[in-house]
Amino acid sequence: MIYLEKFIEQFTDEELEKCFIEIYEWRKVGVLPTDALTRKAWNDYKKQSQNESFPIHAMPEAIFFEICKRKYREDGINV
């Protein structure tokens, strides 16, 4: 079983940026497009973790957490 945080750690900076923009728009308009990277990641995670009931609304928190970790490491704060 793979943990969500370990799954998200594999994303490139560019993928995280794309997910951030998608989530931002999702919150603004209330719809996450079917071709969104965030939705693809959610589907991939559900398959890898064998947890078909995993809610898509849990993805943004894990993505934001990874973005924050990288930013703090970049700033020399060891987390």
Protein backbone atom coordinates (compact mmCIF):
# COMPACT_ATOMS: atom_id res chain seq x y z
CA MET A 1 0.00 0.00 0.00
CA ILE A 2 1.28 3.46 -0.85
CA TYR A 3 0.59 6.44 1.36
CA LEU A 4 -0.82 9.57 -0.23
CA GLU A 5 2.07 11.79 0.88
CA LYS A 6 4.62 9.37 -0.63
CA PHE A 7 2.58 9.28 -3.82
CA ILE A 8 2.51 13.09 -4.08
CA GLU A 9 6.24 13.35 -3.29
CA GLN A 10 6.89 11.77 -6.71
CA PHE A 11 5.39 14.77 -8.54
CA THR A 12 7.68 17.20 -10.32
CA ASP A 13 7.56 20.88 -9.45
CA GLU A 14 5.81 21.48 -12.76
CA GLU A 15 3.14 18.89 -11.96
CA LEU A 16 2.56 20.42 -8.54
CA GLU A 17 2.21 23.84 -10.12
CA LYS A 18 -0.33 22.50 -12.62
CA CYS A 19 -2.30 20.84 -9.81
CA PHE A 20 -2.24 24.06 -7.79
CA ILE A 21 -3.68 26.04 -10.69
CA GLU A 22 -6.34 23.37 -11.30
CA ILE A 23 -7.34 23.34 -7.62
CA TYR A 24 -7.45 27.14 -7.56
CA GLU A 25 -9.82 27.14 -10.54
CA TRP A 26 -11.82 24.26 -9.03
CA ARG A 27 -12.44 26.34 -5.91
CA LYS A 28 -13.36 29.38 -8.00
CA VAL A 29 -15.84 27.72 -10.38
CA GLY A 30 -16.75 24.56 -8.49
CA VAL A 31 -15.76 22.12 -11.25
CA LEU A 32 -12.59 20.07 -11.73
CA PRO A 33 -12.24 19.19 -15.43
CA THR A 34 -12.26 15.51 -16.34
CA ASP A 35 -8.82 15.86 -17.98
CA ALA A 36 -7.23 17.58 -14.96
CA LEU A 37 -3.90 16.25 -13.69
CA THR A 38 -5.33 16.37 -10.16
CA ARG A 39 -8.16 14.05 -11.20
CA LYS A 40 -5.72 11.71 -12.99
CA ALA A 41 -3.52 11.62 -9.88
CA TRP A 42 -6.56 10.83 -7.74
CA ASN A 43 -7.51 7.92 -10.01
CA ASP A 44 -3.92 6.63 -10.07
CA TYR A 45 -3.68 6.85 -6.29
CA LYS A 46 -6.94 4.98 -5.81
CA LYS A 47 -5.63 2.15 -8.03
CA GLN A 48 -2.22 1.97 -6.37
CA SER A 49 -3.60 2.14 -2.84
CA GLN A 50 -6.48 -0.20 -3.65
CA ASN A 51 -8.84 2.27 -2.00
CA GLU A 52 -11.64 2.90 -4.48
CA SER A 53 -13.61 4.95 -1.96
CA PHE A 54 -10.83 7.54 -1.45
CA PRO A 55 -12.44 11.01 -1.76
CA ILE A 56 -11.13 13.43 -4.38
CA HIS A 57 -11.54 16.31 -1.93
CA ALA A 58 -8.60 14.90 0.07
CA MET A 59 -6.17 15.51 -2.81
CA PRO A 60 -5.74 19.31 -2.46
CA GLU A 61 -4.51 19.10 1.13
CA ALA A 62 -1.81 16.55 0.22
CA ILE A 63 -0.76 18.57 -2.83
CA PHE A 64 -0.60 21.82 -0.85
CA PHE A 65 1.39 20.10 1.90
CA GLU A 66 4.00 18.91 -0.61
CA ILE A 67 4.24 22.39 -2.14
CA CYS A 68 4.81 23.87 1.33
CA LYS A 69 7.44 21.26 2.25
CA ARG A 70 9.43 22.03 -0.89
CA LYS A 71 9.19 25.77 -0.36
CA TYR A 72 10.39 25.53 3.24
CA ARG A 73 13.28 23.25 2.24
CA GLU A 74 14.20 25.73 -0.48
CA ASP A 75 14.26 28.44 2.19
CA GLY A 76 16.59 26.34 4.36
CA ILE A 77 13.98 25.22 6.87
CA ASN A 78 14.43 21.49 7.42
CA VAL A 79 11.12 19.68 7.54
